[in-house]
Amino acid sequence: MAIGRVISSQPLNPQEEHFNVSLRPKTLEECVGQENVKEKLSIAIEAAKQRGEPLEHLLFYGPPGLGKTTLANVISEEMGAKFRCSSGPALVKQGDVMGLLTNVGLGDIIFIDEIHRLNTAVEEFIYPAIEDFRVDYTVDSGMHAKTINFPLKRFTLIGATTRAGLVSAPLRSRFGMLYHLKFYNVAELTEILHRSAELLKLKYEQGTLELIAARSRGTPRIANRLLKRVRDYAQVKGSGVLTNSIVEKALKMEQIDLLGLDPLDRAFLNALAGVYNGGPAGIEAIAATLGEERDTLEDVVEPYLLQQGFVRRTRRGREITPAACKHLGIKPTKHKPQPSQSELFEED
């Protein structure tokens, strides 16, 4: 059920990623939202350019789809530097890293997505590259093994992660700047959609983009995906112009409600309310009930439900909230107070 979710904040396929690249802003001025991060970045970039030095290493962290890769590309454009991209899972051995580092020019940007997934050997190998701009590479093995010291040109490493807690402390301490990206509000997403619609030469009625933004779960990637789905629906079922009626019908067909919940979100809440009487229930039990992987529920479903205040985590498990019951149109469940330790051992 989770595969190919329309409101997933992960890219669905390479074609969609190519589509998103065409809509990405090129400068900080074109970027919408994340005002605090943008202001800090603009100061750091201007200071580095005035000194004629590469930007110091920085780490972006936050939920997927909020623009970590986009900001890395914008920094590259602003600094006039070449952009080299890789990911944690792709760098499995020292040779992979050497291929990336030895081709780096002065001031180039190296972007590593999902940096928390670097294995320990690779992570330790790049420490000298980050700090001293050199690496010790071992060639051959056994009696013939020898270590060669490779000097590197000064570069900027930009890391991105959706799980900051999984980035090791030694690696995290080597980044000079750490920036947290937060969810976007409806006004910011509407502005992003206005820009995307202009680039796509898409005609729309007033208020239609706000309808899409409100169901985009605070994530630009989802907003642009929904815009593309609505555009296709308008082209086939309408005149190609986005109207309130067309948008409502397109999103209804995708089974996305007014708050951006899809069938999997509602199944999670209904299972918690119906099967487990509102909770508390363990995530493993809910996953078994829905036939989904635990990681899917924890990484994809729960964050937005927690943000909306529809689910709360307790030491005994997940509980549904009155707000979720109101949204689903079901009767709220009264949670029994947890007995104290003295009551548990109290004699009759």
C-alpha atoms as a PDB file:
ATOM      1  CA  MET A   1       0.000   0.000   0.000  1.00  0.00           C
ATOM      2  CA  ALA A   2       2.868   2.366   0.775  1.00  0.00           C
ATOM      3  CA  ILE A   3       4.548   1.801  -2.593  1.00  0.00           C
ATOM      4  CA  GLY A   4       3.918   4.717  -4.965  1.00  0.00           C
ATOM      5  CA  ARG A   5       1.951   6.812  -2.451  1.00  0.00           C
ATOM      6  CA  VAL A   6       1.020  10.130  -4.046  1.00  0.00           C
ATOM      7  CA  ILE A   7       1.728  12.026  -0.836  1.00  0.00           C
ATOM      8  CA  SER A   8       5.045  10.280  -0.141  1.00  0.00           C
ATOM      9  CA  SER A   9       7.825  12.795   0.487  1.00  0.00           C
ATOM     10  CA  GLN A  10      10.328  10.498  -1.259  1.00  0.00           C
ATOM     11  CA  PRO A  11      10.846  10.653  -5.054  1.00  0.00           C
ATOM     12  CA  LEU A  12       8.632   8.063  -6.764  1.00  0.00           C
ATOM     13  CA  ASN A  13      10.868   7.536  -9.815  1.00  0.00           C
ATOM     14  CA  PRO A  14      13.778   9.101 -11.778  1.00  0.00           C
ATOM     15  CA  GLN A  15      11.342  10.798 -14.171  1.00  0.00           C
ATOM     16  CA  GLU A  16       9.711  12.674 -11.300  1.00  0.00           C
ATOM     17  CA  GLU A  17      13.123  13.696  -9.977  1.00  0.00           C
ATOM     18  CA  HIS A  18      13.972  15.091 -13.432  1.00  0.00           C
ATOM     19  CA  PHE A  19      10.659  16.983 -13.387  1.00  0.00           C
ATOM     20  CA  ASN A  20      11.492  18.448  -9.955  1.00  0.00           C
ATOM     21  CA  VAL A  21      14.955  19.531 -11.125  1.00  0.00           C
ATOM     22  CA  SER A  22      13.348  21.662 -13.842  1.00  0.00           C
ATOM     23  CA  LEU A  23      11.337  23.496 -11.175  1.00  0.00           C
ATOM     24  CA  ARG A  24      14.195  24.083  -8.722  1.00  0.00           C
ATOM     25  CA  PRO A  25      15.212  27.671  -7.922  1.00  0.00           C
ATOM     26  CA  LYS A  26      18.705  28.730  -8.986  1.00  0.00           C
ATOM     27  CA  THR A  27      19.418  31.435  -6.394  1.00  0.00           C
ATOM     28  CA  LEU A  28      18.677  32.063  -2.723  1.00  0.00           C
ATOM     29  CA  GLU A  29      16.434  34.953  -3.731  1.00  0.00           C
ATOM     30  CA  GLU A  30      14.224  32.571  -5.717  1.00  0.00           C
ATOM     31  CA  CYS A  31      13.907  30.148  -2.785  1.00  0.00           C
ATOM     32  CA  VAL A  32      10.667  30.313  -0.795  1.00  0.00           C
ATOM     33  CA  GLY A  33      10.458  29.643   2.954  1.00  0.00           C
ATOM     34  CA  GLN A  34      13.216  28.587   5.394  1.00  0.00           C
ATOM     35  CA  GLU A  35      13.902  32.300   5.973  1.00  0.00           C
ATOM     36  CA  ASN A  36      16.223  31.812   8.939  1.00  0.00           C
ATOM     37  CA  VAL A  37      18.356  29.243   7.087  1.00  0.00           C
ATOM     38  CA  LYS A  38      18.468  31.426   3.970  1.00  0.00           C
ATOM     39  CA  GLU A  39      19.628  34.474   5.924  1.00  0.00           C
ATOM     40  CA  LYS A  40      22.445  32.548   7.613  1.00  0.00           C
ATOM     41  CA  LEU A  41      23.493  30.999   4.310  1.00  0.00           C
ATOM     42  CA  SER A  42      23.555  34.339   2.480  1.00  0.00           C
ATOM     43  CA  ILE A  43      25.857  35.821   5.142  1.00  0.00           C
ATOM     44  CA  ALA A  44      28.175  32.773   5.094  1.00  0.00           C
ATOM     45  CA  ILE A  45      28.324  32.748   1.273  1.00  0.00           C
ATOM     46  CA  GLU A  46      29.014  36.492   1.007  1.00  0.00           C
ATOM     47  CA  ALA A  47      31.722  36.320   3.679  1.00  0.00           C
ATOM     48  CA  ALA A  48      33.422  33.358   1.961  1.00  0.00           C
ATOM     49  CA  LYS A  49      33.318  35.132  -1.419  1.00  0.00           C
ATOM     50  CA  GLN A  50      34.819  38.328   0.063  1.00  0.00           C
ATOM     51  CA  ARG A  51      37.694  36.308   1.571  1.00  0.00           C
ATOM     52  CA  GLY A  52      38.120  34.304  -1.629  1.00  0.00           C
ATOM     53  CA  GLU A  53      37.773  31.044   0.294  1.00  0.00           C
ATOM     54  CA  PRO A  54      35.581  27.950  -0.140  1.00  0.00           C
ATOM     55  CA  LEU A  55      32.527  27.763   2.094  1.00  0.00           C
ATOM     56  CA  GLU A  56      32.987  25.685   5.248  1.00  0.00           C
ATOM     57  CA  HIS A  57      31.375  22.247   5.445  1.00  0.00           C
ATOM     58  CA  LEU A  58      27.677  22.196   6.280  1.00  0.00           C
ATOM     59  CA  LEU A  59      24.972  19.680   7.129  1.00  0.00           C
ATOM     60  CA  PHE A  60      21.252  19.920   6.283  1.00  0.00           C
ATOM     61  CA  TYR A  61      18.863  17.759   8.273  1.00  0.00           C
ATOM     62  CA  GLY A  62      15.103  17.390   8.332  1.00  0.00           C
ATOM     63  CA  PRO A  63      12.246  15.381   6.782  1.00  0.00           C
ATOM     64  CA  PRO A  64      12.519  14.358   3.100  1.00  0.00           C
ATOM     65  CA  GLY A  65      11.194  16.611   0.352  1.00  0.00           C
ATOM     66  CA  LEU A  66      11.931  19.963   2.042  1.00  0.00           C
ATOM     67  CA  GLY A  67      14.732  21.096  -0.263  1.00  0.00           C
ATOM     68  CA  LYS A  68      18.075  19.885   1.097  1.00  0.00           C
ATOM     69  CA  THR A  69      19.345  18.927  -2.372  1.00  0.00           C
ATOM     70  CA  THR A  70      17.882  22.120  -3.832  1.00  0.00           C
ATOM     71  CA  LEU A  71      19.730  24.299  -1.319  1.00  0.00           C
ATOM     72  CA  ALA A  72      22.986  22.439  -2.017  1.00  0.00           C
ATOM     73  CA  ASN A  73      22.570  23.204  -5.733  1.00  0.00           C
ATOM     74  CA  VAL A  74      21.746  26.845  -4.951  1.00  0.00           C
ATOM     75  CA  ILE A  75      24.918  27.166  -2.849  1.00  0.00           C
ATOM     76  CA  SER A  76      26.917  25.774  -5.765  1.00  0.00           C
ATOM     77  CA  GLU A  77      25.373  28.379  -8.097  1.00  0.00           C
ATOM     78  CA  GLU A  78      25.917  31.229  -5.629  1.00  0.00           C
ATOM     79  CA  MET A  79      29.562  30.249  -5.072  1.00  0.00           C
ATOM     80  CA  GLY A  80      30.199  29.669  -8.788  1.00  0.00           C
ATOM     81  CA  ALA A  81      31.484  26.187  -7.949  1.00  0.00           C
ATOM     82  CA  LYS A  82      31.155  22.809  -9.640  1.00  0.00           C
ATOM     83  CA  PHE A  83      28.606  20.476  -8.039  1.00  0.00           C
ATOM     84  CA  ARG A  84      29.454  16.809  -7.467  1.00  0.00           C
ATOM     85  CA  CYS A  85      26.766  14.565  -6.042  1.00  0.00           C
ATOM     86  CA  SER A  86      26.740  11.139  -4.385  1.00  0.00           C
ATOM     87  CA  SER A  87      24.924   9.337  -1.578  1.00  0.00           C
ATOM     88  CA  GLY A  88      25.792   7.374   1.532  1.00  0.00           C
ATOM     89  CA  PRO A  89      24.699   3.960   0.180  1.00  0.00           C
ATOM     90  CA  ALA A  90      26.696   4.509  -3.054  1.00  0.00           C
ATOM     91  CA  LEU A  91      30.013   5.000  -1.223  1.00  0.00           C
ATOM     92  CA  VAL A  92      30.680   1.472  -0.006  1.00  0.00           C
ATOM     93  CA  LYS A  93      34.498   1.336  -0.117  1.00  0.00           C
ATOM     94  CA  GLN A  94      37.508   3.656  -0.029  1.00  0.00           C
ATOM     95  CA  GLY A  95      37.969   3.443  -3.802  1.00  0.00           C
ATOM     96  CA  ASP A  96      34.511   4.958  -4.330  1.00  0.00           C
ATOM     97  CA  VAL A  97      35.480   7.950  -2.214  1.00  0.00           C
ATOM     98  CA  MET A  98      38.856   8.325  -3.946  1.00  0.00           C
ATOM     99  CA  GLY A  99      37.120   8.556  -7.305  1.00  0.00           C
ATOM    100  CA  LEU A 100      35.014  11.394  -5.930  1.00  0.00           C
ATOM    101  CA  LEU A 101      37.788  13.287  -4.121  1.00  0.00           C
ATOM    102  CA  THR A 102      40.631  13.127  -6.633  1.00  0.00           C
ATOM    103  CA  ASN A 103      38.570  14.914  -9.298  1.00  0.00           C
ATOM    104  CA  VAL A 104      37.651  17.805  -6.999  1.00  0.00           C
ATOM    105  CA  GLY A 105      38.795  21.311  -7.970  1.00  0.00           C
ATOM    106  CA  LEU A 106      39.403  24.287  -5.691  1.00  0.00           C
ATOM    107  CA  GLY A 107      36.133  25.392  -4.076  1.00  0.00           C
ATOM    108  CA  ASP A 108      34.040  22.587  -5.582  1.00  0.00           C
ATOM    109  CA  ILE A 109      30.932  21.361  -3.768  1.00  0.00           C
ATOM    110  CA  ILE A 110      30.653  17.671  -2.837  1.00  0.00           C
ATOM    111  CA  PHE A 111      27.105  16.759  -1.865  1.00  0.00           C
ATOM    112  CA  ILE A 112      26.440  13.468  -0.042  1.00  0.00           C
ATOM    113  CA  ASP A 113      22.767  12.634   0.413  1.00  0.00           C
ATOM    114  CA  GLU A 114      21.697  10.227   3.174  1.00  0.00           C
ATOM    115  CA  ILE A 115      25.083  10.783   4.789  1.00  0.00           C
ATOM    116  CA  HIS A 116      23.954   8.884   7.889  1.00  0.00           C
ATOM    117  CA  ARG A 117      24.155   5.675   5.809  1.00  0.00           C
ATOM    118  CA  LEU A 118      27.927   5.880   5.250  1.00  0.00           C
ATOM    119  CA  ASN A 119      29.594   2.746   6.587  1.00  0.00           C
ATOM    120  CA  THR A 120      32.149   3.143   9.376  1.00  0.00           C
ATOM    121  CA  ALA A 121      35.236   2.417   7.234  1.00  0.00           C
ATOM    122  CA  VAL A 122      34.295   5.034   4.619  1.00  0.00           C
ATOM    123  CA  GLU A 123      33.314   7.567   7.258  1.00  0.00           C
ATOM    124  CA  GLU A 124      36.669   7.276   9.032  1.00  0.00           C
ATOM    125  CA  PHE A 125      38.484   7.425   5.687  1.00  0.00           C
ATOM    126  CA  ILE A 126      37.019  10.840   4.838  1.00  0.00           C
ATOM    127  CA  TYR A 127      37.826  12.480   8.207  1.00  0.00           C
ATOM    128  CA  PRO A 128      41.308  13.639   7.070  1.00  0.00           C
ATOM    129  CA  ALA A 129      39.802  14.822   3.774  1.00  0.00           C
ATOM    130  CA  ILE A 130      37.293  17.010   5.614  1.00  0.00           C
ATOM    131  CA  GLU A 131      39.762  18.377   8.182  1.00  0.00           C
ATOM    132  CA  ASP A 132      43.172  18.503   6.479  1.00  0.00           C
ATOM    133  CA  PHE A 133      42.237  18.079   2.787  1.00  0.00           C
ATOM    134  CA  ARG A 134      44.350  14.973   2.367  1.00  0.00           C
ATOM    135  CA  VAL A 135      43.745  11.221   2.393  1.00  0.00           C
ATOM    136  CA  ASP A 136      45.929   8.212   3.101  1.00  0.00           C
ATOM    137  CA  TYR A 137      45.065   5.551   0.543  1.00  0.00           C
ATOM    138  CA  THR A 138      46.353   1.996   0.877  1.00  0.00           C
ATOM    139  CA  VAL A 139      47.261   0.201  -2.349  1.00  0.00           C
ATOM    140  CA  ASP A 140      47.896  -3.536  -2.732  1.00  0.00           C
ATOM    141  CA  SER A 141      47.672  -5.772   0.318  1.00  0.00           C
ATOM    142  CA  GLY A 142      49.760  -8.010   2.526  1.00  0.00           C
ATOM    143  CA  MET A 143      53.574  -7.665   2.243  1.00  0.00           C
ATOM    144  CA  HIS A 144      53.274  -5.357  -0.766  1.00  0.00           C
ATOM    145  CA  ALA A 145      50.801  -2.937   0.849  1.00  0.00           C
ATOM    146  CA  LYS A 146      51.823   0.688   1.006  1.00  0.00           C
ATOM    147  CA  THR A 147      50.055   3.888   1.976  1.00  0.00           C
ATOM    148  CA  ILE A 148      50.101   6.886  -0.334  1.00  0.00           C
ATOM    149  CA  ASN A 149      49.281  10.353   0.945  1.00  0.00           C
ATOM    150  CA  PHE A 150      47.114  12.274  -1.537  1.00  0.00           C
ATOM    151  CA  PRO A 151      46.825  16.049  -1.049  1.00  0.00           C
ATOM    152  CA  LEU A 152      43.421  17.460  -2.033  1.00  0.00           C
ATOM    153  CA  LYS A 153      42.255  20.888  -3.106  1.00  0.00           C
ATOM    154  CA  ARG A 154      40.075  22.735  -0.626  1.00  0.00           C
ATOM    155  CA  PHE A 155      36.435  21.835  -1.173  1.00  0.00           C
ATOM    156  CA  THR A 156      33.112  22.157   0.601  1.00  0.00           C
ATOM    157  CA  LEU A 157      31.289  19.050   1.817  1.00  0.00           C
ATOM    158  CA  ILE A 158      27.513  19.382   2.099  1.00  0.00           C
ATOM    159  CA  GLY A 159      25.774  16.517   3.849  1.00  0.00           C
ATOM    160  CA  ALA A 160      22.039  15.843   3.948  1.00  0.00           C
ATOM    161  CA  THR A 161      20.155  13.495   6.226  1.00  0.00           C
ATOM    162  CA  THR A 162      16.603  12.761   7.258  1.00  0.00           C
ATOM    163  CA  ARG A 163      17.873  11.170  10.496  1.00  0.00           C
ATOM    164  CA  ALA A 164      20.238  13.521  12.275  1.00  0.00           C
ATOM    165  CA  GLY A 165      20.358  11.185  15.276  1.00  0.00           C
ATOM    166  CA  LEU A 166      22.030   8.496  13.160  1.00  0.00           C
ATOM    167  CA  VAL A 167      24.909  10.780  12.110  1.00  0.00           C
ATOM    168  CA  SER A 168      27.826   9.843  14.368  1.00  0.00           C
ATOM    169  CA  ALA A 169      29.119  12.480  16.777  1.00  0.00           C
ATOM    170  CA  PRO A 170      32.648  12.540  15.232  1.00  0.00           C
ATOM    171  CA  LEU A 171      31.217  13.171  11.754  1.00  0.00           C
ATOM    172  CA  ARG A 172      28.714  15.760  12.974  1.00  0.00           C
ATOM    173  CA  SER A 173      31.437  17.687  14.809  1.00  0.00           C
ATOM    174  CA  ARG A 174      33.375  18.151  11.558  1.00  0.00           C
ATOM    175  CA  PHE A 175      30.619  20.272   9.992  1.00  0.00           C
ATOM    176  CA  GLY A 176      31.006  23.992  10.624  1.00  0.00           C
ATOM    177  CA  MET A 177      27.328  24.762  10.008  1.00  0.00           C
ATOM    178  CA  LEU A 178      24.263  22.650  10.797  1.00  0.00           C
ATOM    179  CA  TYR A 179      20.857  23.717   9.490  1.00  0.00           C
ATOM    180  CA  HIS A 180      17.472  22.193  10.286  1.00  0.00           C
ATOM    181  CA  LEU A 181      14.798  22.459   7.574  1.00  0.00           C
ATOM    182  CA  LYS A 182      11.216  22.671   8.837  1.00  0.00           C
ATOM    183  CA  PHE A 183       7.855  22.046   7.188  1.00  0.00           C
ATOM    184  CA  TYR A 184       6.393  24.841   5.032  1.00  0.00           C
ATOM    185  CA  ASN A 185       3.104  26.631   5.754  1.00  0.00           C
ATOM    186  CA  VAL A 186       0.246  26.884   3.246  1.00  0.00           C
ATOM    187  CA  ALA A 187       1.181  30.435   2.166  1.00  0.00           C
ATOM    188  CA  GLU A 188       4.767  29.377   1.370  1.00  0.00           C
ATOM    189  CA  LEU A 189       3.614  26.286  -0.528  1.00  0.00           C
ATOM    190  CA  THR A 190       1.137  28.408  -2.493  1.00  0.00           C
ATOM    191  CA  GLU A 191       3.973  30.736  -3.517  1.00  0.00           C
ATOM    192  CA  ILE A 192       6.031  27.721  -4.623  1.00  0.00           C
ATOM    193  CA  LEU A 193       3.083  26.443  -6.664  1.00  0.00           C
ATOM    194  CA  HIS A 194       2.630  29.870  -8.292  1.00  0.00           C
ATOM    195  CA  ARG A 195       6.241  29.716  -9.454  1.00  0.00           C
ATOM    196  CA  SER A 196       5.883  26.108 -10.667  1.00  0.00           C
ATOM    197  CA  ALA A 197       2.665  26.926 -12.530  1.00  0.00           C
ATOM    198  CA  GLU A 198       4.372  29.847 -14.276  1.00  0.00           C
ATOM    199  CA  LEU A 199       7.278  27.625 -15.351  1.00  0.00           C
ATOM    200  CA  LEU A 200       4.816  25.001 -16.636  1.00  0.00           C
ATOM    201  CA  LYS A 201       2.766  27.715 -18.413  1.00  0.00           C
ATOM    202  CA  LEU A 202      -0.282  26.425 -16.549  1.00  0.00           C
ATOM    203  CA  LYS A 203      -3.475  28.494 -16.344  1.00  0.00           C
ATOM    204  CA  TYR A 204      -5.390  28.459 -13.071  1.00  0.00           C
ATOM    205  CA  GLU A 205      -8.260  30.212 -11.321  1.00  0.00           C
ATOM    206  CA  GLN A 206      -7.780  32.172  -8.124  1.00  0.00           C
ATOM    207  CA  GLY A 207      -7.772  29.987  -5.002  1.00  0.00           C
ATOM    208  CA  THR A 208      -7.026  26.699  -6.784  1.00  0.00           C
ATOM    209  CA  LEU A 209      -3.345  26.606  -5.818  1.00  0.00           C
ATOM    210  CA  GLU A 210      -4.276  27.184  -2.171  1.00  0.00           C
ATOM    211  CA  LEU A 211      -6.438  24.042  -2.315  1.00  0.00           C
ATOM    212  CA  ILE A 212      -3.443  22.005  -3.477  1.00  0.00           C
ATOM    213  CA  ALA A 213      -1.068  23.621  -0.961  1.00  0.00           C
ATOM    214  CA  ALA A 214      -3.380  22.804   1.957  1.00  0.00           C
ATOM    215  CA  ARG A 215      -3.153  19.083   1.147  1.00  0.00           C
ATOM    216  CA  SER A 216       0.599  18.967   0.511  1.00  0.00           C
ATOM    217  CA  ARG A 217       1.627  18.040   4.078  1.00  0.00           C
ATOM    218  CA  GLY A 218       3.983  21.031   4.351  1.00  0.00           C
ATOM    219  CA  THR A 219       6.300  19.551   1.703  1.00  0.00           C
ATOM    220  CA  PRO A 220       7.230  21.237  -1.633  1.00  0.00           C
ATOM    221  CA  ARG A 221       7.937  17.899  -3.344  1.00  0.00           C
ATOM    222  CA  ILE A 222       4.404  16.699  -2.595  1.00  0.00           C
ATOM    223  CA  ALA A 223       2.947  20.069  -3.675  1.00  0.00           C
ATOM    224  CA  ASN A 224       4.645  19.877  -7.087  1.00  0.00           C
ATOM    225  CA  ARG A 225       3.597  16.230  -7.488  1.00  0.00           C
ATOM    226  CA  LEU A 226      -0.035  17.065  -6.772  1.00  0.00           C
ATOM    227  CA  LEU A 227       0.158  20.025  -9.172  1.00  0.00           C
ATOM    228  CA  LYS A 228       1.318  17.662 -11.907  1.00  0.00           C
ATOM    229  CA  ARG A 229      -1.494  15.186 -11.174  1.00  0.00           C
ATOM    230  CA  VAL A 230      -4.107  17.968 -11.184  1.00  0.00           C
ATOM    231  CA  ARG A 231      -2.656  19.374 -14.420  1.00  0.00           C
ATOM    232  CA  ASP A 232      -3.034  15.973 -16.113  1.00  0.00           C
ATOM    233  CA  TYR A 233      -6.618  15.646 -14.838  1.00  0.00           C
ATOM    234  CA  ALA A 234      -7.489  19.153 -16.079  1.00  0.00           C
ATOM    235  CA  GLN A 235      -6.012  18.376 -19.492  1.00  0.00           C
ATOM    236  CA  VAL A 236      -8.001  15.150 -19.942  1.00  0.00           C
ATOM    237  CA  LYS A 237     -11.243  15.884 -18.058  1.00  0.00           C
ATOM    238  CA  GLY A 238     -11.417  19.656 -18.527  1.00  0.00           C
ATOM    239  CA  SER A 239     -10.144  22.477 -20.687  1.00  0.00           C
ATOM    240  CA  GLY A 240      -6.612  22.434 -19.259  1.00  0.00           C
ATOM    241  CA  VAL A 241      -7.365  25.310 -16.864  1.00  0.00           C
ATOM    242  CA  LEU A 242      -7.276  24.570 -13.127  1.00  0.00           C
ATOM    243  CA  THR A 243     -10.649  25.336 -11.558  1.00  0.00           C
ATOM    244  CA  ASN A 244     -11.889  24.663  -8.036  1.00  0.00           C
ATOM    245  CA  SER A 245     -14.098  21.855  -9.338  1.00  0.00           C
ATOM    246  CA  ILE A 246     -11.285  20.227 -11.315  1.00  0.00           C
ATOM    247  CA  VAL A 247      -8.868  20.396  -8.356  1.00  0.00           C
ATOM    248  CA  GLU A 248     -11.437  18.925  -5.941  1.00  0.00           C
ATOM    249  CA  LYS A 249     -12.282  16.066  -8.328  1.00  0.00           C
ATOM    250  CA  ALA A 250      -8.609  15.308  -9.048  1.00  0.00           C
ATOM    251  CA  LEU A 251      -7.674  15.157  -5.379  1.00  0.00           C
ATOM    252  CA  LYS A 252     -10.779  13.133  -4.561  1.00  0.00           C
ATOM    253  CA  MET A 253      -9.723  10.614  -7.209  1.00  0.00           C
ATOM    254  CA  GLU A 254      -6.318  10.395  -5.479  1.00  0.00           C
ATOM    255  CA  GLN A 255      -8.205   9.832  -2.169  1.00  0.00           C
ATOM    256  CA  ILE A 256      -6.459  12.736  -0.453  1.00  0.00           C
ATOM    257  CA  ASP A 257      -8.658  14.523   2.085  1.00  0.00           C
ATOM    258  CA  LEU A 258      -8.728  18.177   3.196  1.00  0.00           C
ATOM    259  CA  LEU A 259      -5.739  17.769   5.550  1.00  0.00           C
ATOM    260  CA  GLY A 260      -3.609  15.725   3.174  1.00  0.00           C
ATOM    261  CA  LEU A 261      -4.348  12.296   4.645  1.00  0.00           C
ATOM    262  CA  ASP A 262      -4.398   9.357   2.222  1.00  0.00           C
ATOM    263  CA  PRO A 263      -5.837   5.808   2.611  1.00  0.00           C
ATOM    264  CA  LEU A 264      -2.778   4.529   4.508  1.00  0.00           C
ATOM    265  CA  ASP A 265      -2.961   7.382   7.042  1.00  0.00           C
ATOM    266  CA  ARG A 266      -6.669   6.759   7.598  1.00  0.00           C
ATOM    267  CA  ALA A 267      -6.121   2.988   7.833  1.00  0.00           C
ATOM    268  CA  PHE A 268      -3.516   3.603  10.555  1.00  0.00           C
ATOM    269  CA  LEU A 269      -5.925   5.778  12.556  1.00  0.00           C
ATOM    270  CA  ASN A 270      -8.918   3.480  12.002  1.00  0.00           C
ATOM    271  CA  ALA A 271      -6.913   0.444  13.131  1.00  0.00           C
ATOM    272  CA  LEU A 272      -5.829   2.294  16.253  1.00  0.00           C
ATOM    273  CA  ALA A 273      -9.407   3.410  16.956  1.00  0.00           C
ATOM    274  CA  GLY A 274     -11.286   0.257  15.969  1.00  0.00           C
ATOM    275  CA  VAL A 275      -8.999  -2.707  16.555  1.00  0.00           C
ATOM    276  CA  TYR A 276      -7.168  -1.349  19.585  1.00  0.00           C
ATOM    277  CA  ASN A 277      -9.941   0.810  21.081  1.00  0.00           C
ATOM    278  CA  GLY A 278      -7.925   3.981  20.647  1.00  0.00           C
ATOM    279  CA  GLY A 279      -4.723   2.527  22.090  1.00  0.00           C
ATOM    280  CA  PRO A 280      -2.219   2.360  23.527  1.00  0.00           C
ATOM    281  CA  ALA A 281      -0.944  -0.096  20.922  1.00  0.00           C
ATOM    282  CA  GLY A 282       2.583  -1.076  19.919  1.00  0.00           C
ATOM    283  CA  ILE A 283       3.841  -0.124  16.469  1.00  0.00           C
ATOM    284  CA  GLU A 284       4.618  -3.791  15.693  1.00  0.00           C
ATOM    285  CA  ALA A 285       1.002  -4.734  16.383  1.00  0.00           C
ATOM    286  CA  ILE A 286      -0.351  -1.929  14.185  1.00  0.00           C
ATOM    287  CA  ALA A 287       2.081  -2.884  11.395  1.00  0.00           C
ATOM    288  CA  ALA A 288       0.903  -6.511  11.555  1.00  0.00           C
ATOM    289  CA  THR A 289      -2.734  -5.412  11.446  1.00  0.00           C
ATOM    290  CA  LEU A 290      -2.169  -3.256   8.355  1.00  0.00           C
ATOM    291  CA  GLY A 291       0.223  -5.682   6.646  1.00  0.00           C
ATOM    292  CA  GLU A 292       2.880  -2.962   6.426  1.00  0.00           C
ATOM    293  CA  GLU A 293       6.519  -2.755   7.482  1.00  0.00           C
ATOM    294  CA  ARG A 294       7.227  -1.093  10.819  1.00  0.00           C
ATOM    295  CA  ASP A 295       9.787   1.237   9.175  1.00  0.00           C
ATOM    296  CA  THR A 296       7.150   2.426   6.686  1.00  0.00           C
ATOM    297  CA  LEU A 297       4.791   3.431   9.482  1.00  0.00           C
ATOM    298  CA  GLU A 298       7.506   5.087  11.606  1.00  0.00           C
ATOM    299  CA  ASP A 299       9.257   6.958   8.791  1.00  0.00           C
ATOM    300  CA  VAL A 300       6.428   7.724   6.365  1.00  0.00           C
ATOM    301  CA  VAL A 301       3.075   7.724   8.176  1.00  0.00           C
ATOM    302  CA  GLU A 302       3.621   8.699  11.798  1.00  0.00           C
ATOM    303  CA  PRO A 303       5.616  11.957  11.425  1.00  0.00           C
ATOM    304  CA  TYR A 304       2.742  13.814   9.741  1.00  0.00           C
ATOM    305  CA  LEU A 305       0.097  12.339  12.084  1.00  0.00           C
ATOM    306  CA  LEU A 306       2.197  13.414  15.070  1.00  0.00           C
ATOM    307  CA  GLN A 307       2.668  16.880  13.571  1.00  0.00           C
ATOM    308  CA  GLN A 308      -1.113  17.229  13.120  1.00  0.00           C
ATOM    309  CA  GLY A 309      -1.751  16.042  16.685  1.00  0.00           C
ATOM    310  CA  PHE A 310      -3.687  12.965  15.518  1.00  0.00           C
ATOM    311  CA  VAL A 311      -1.481  10.441  17.327  1.00  0.00           C
ATOM    312  CA  ARG A 312       0.496  10.594  20.546  1.00  0.00           C
ATOM    313  CA  ARG A 313       3.324   8.355  21.624  1.00  0.00           C
ATOM    314  CA  THR A 314       3.364   6.992  25.154  1.00  0.00           C
ATOM    315  CA  ARG A 315       5.613   4.507  26.911  1.00  0.00           C
ATOM    316  CA  ARG A 316       2.930   1.849  26.425  1.00  0.00           C
ATOM    317  CA  GLY A 317       2.349   2.554  22.723  1.00  0.00           C
ATOM    318  CA  ARG A 318       0.454   4.798  20.315  1.00  0.00           C
ATOM    319  CA  GLU A 319      -2.846   6.464  21.203  1.00  0.00           C
ATOM    320  CA  ILE A 320      -5.366   8.211  18.972  1.00  0.00           C
ATOM    321  CA  THR A 321      -6.363  11.774  19.913  1.00  0.00           C
ATOM    322  CA  PRO A 322      -9.794  13.462  19.988  1.00  0.00           C
ATOM    323  CA  ALA A 323      -8.704  15.632  17.029  1.00  0.00           C
ATOM    324  CA  ALA A 324      -8.167  12.515  14.907  1.00  0.00           C
ATOM    325  CA  CYS A 325     -11.539  11.075  15.961  1.00  0.00           C
ATOM    326  CA  LYS A 326     -13.238  14.336  15.002  1.00  0.00           C
ATOM    327  CA  HIS A 327     -11.528  14.341  11.607  1.00  0.00           C
ATOM    328  CA  LEU A 328     -12.545  10.718  10.942  1.00  0.00           C
ATOM    329  CA  GLY A 329     -16.069  11.285  12.267  1.00  0.00           C
ATOM    330  CA  ILE A 330     -15.857   8.614  14.951  1.00  0.00           C
ATOM    331  CA  LYS A 331     -16.626   8.693  18.660  1.00  0.00           C
ATOM    332  CA  PRO A 332     -13.580   9.634  20.786  1.00  0.00           C
ATOM    333  CA  THR A 333     -12.146   6.866  22.947  1.00  0.00           C
ATOM    334  CA  LYS A 334     -11.661   7.571  26.637  1.00  0.00           C
ATOM    335  CA  HIS A 335      -8.238   6.362  27.706  1.00  0.00           C
ATOM    336  CA  LYS A 336      -8.125   4.786  31.158  1.00  0.00           C
ATOM    337  CA  PRO A 337      -5.550   6.333  33.462  1.00  0.00           C
ATOM    338  CA  GLN A 338      -2.451   4.211  33.921  1.00  0.00           C
ATOM    339  CA  PRO A 339      -2.458   2.584  37.395  1.00  0.00           C
ATOM    340  CA  SER A 340       0.290   3.615  39.754  1.00  0.00           C
ATOM    341  CA  GLN A 341       2.774   1.049  41.064  1.00  0.00           C
ATOM    342  CA  SER A 342       1.168   1.084  44.534  1.00  0.00           C
ATOM    343  CA  GLU A 343      -2.247   0.289  43.012  1.00  0.00           C
ATOM    344  CA  LEU A 344      -0.846  -2.645  41.062  1.00  0.00           C
ATOM    345  CA  PHE A 345       0.269  -4.400  44.263  1.00  0.00           C
ATOM    346  CA  GLU A 346      -2.620  -3.247  46.467  1.00  0.00           C
ATOM    347  CA  GLU A 347      -4.321  -6.121  48.273  1.00  0.00           C
ATOM    348  CA  ASP A 348      -8.108  -6.662  48.009  1.00  0.00           C
END
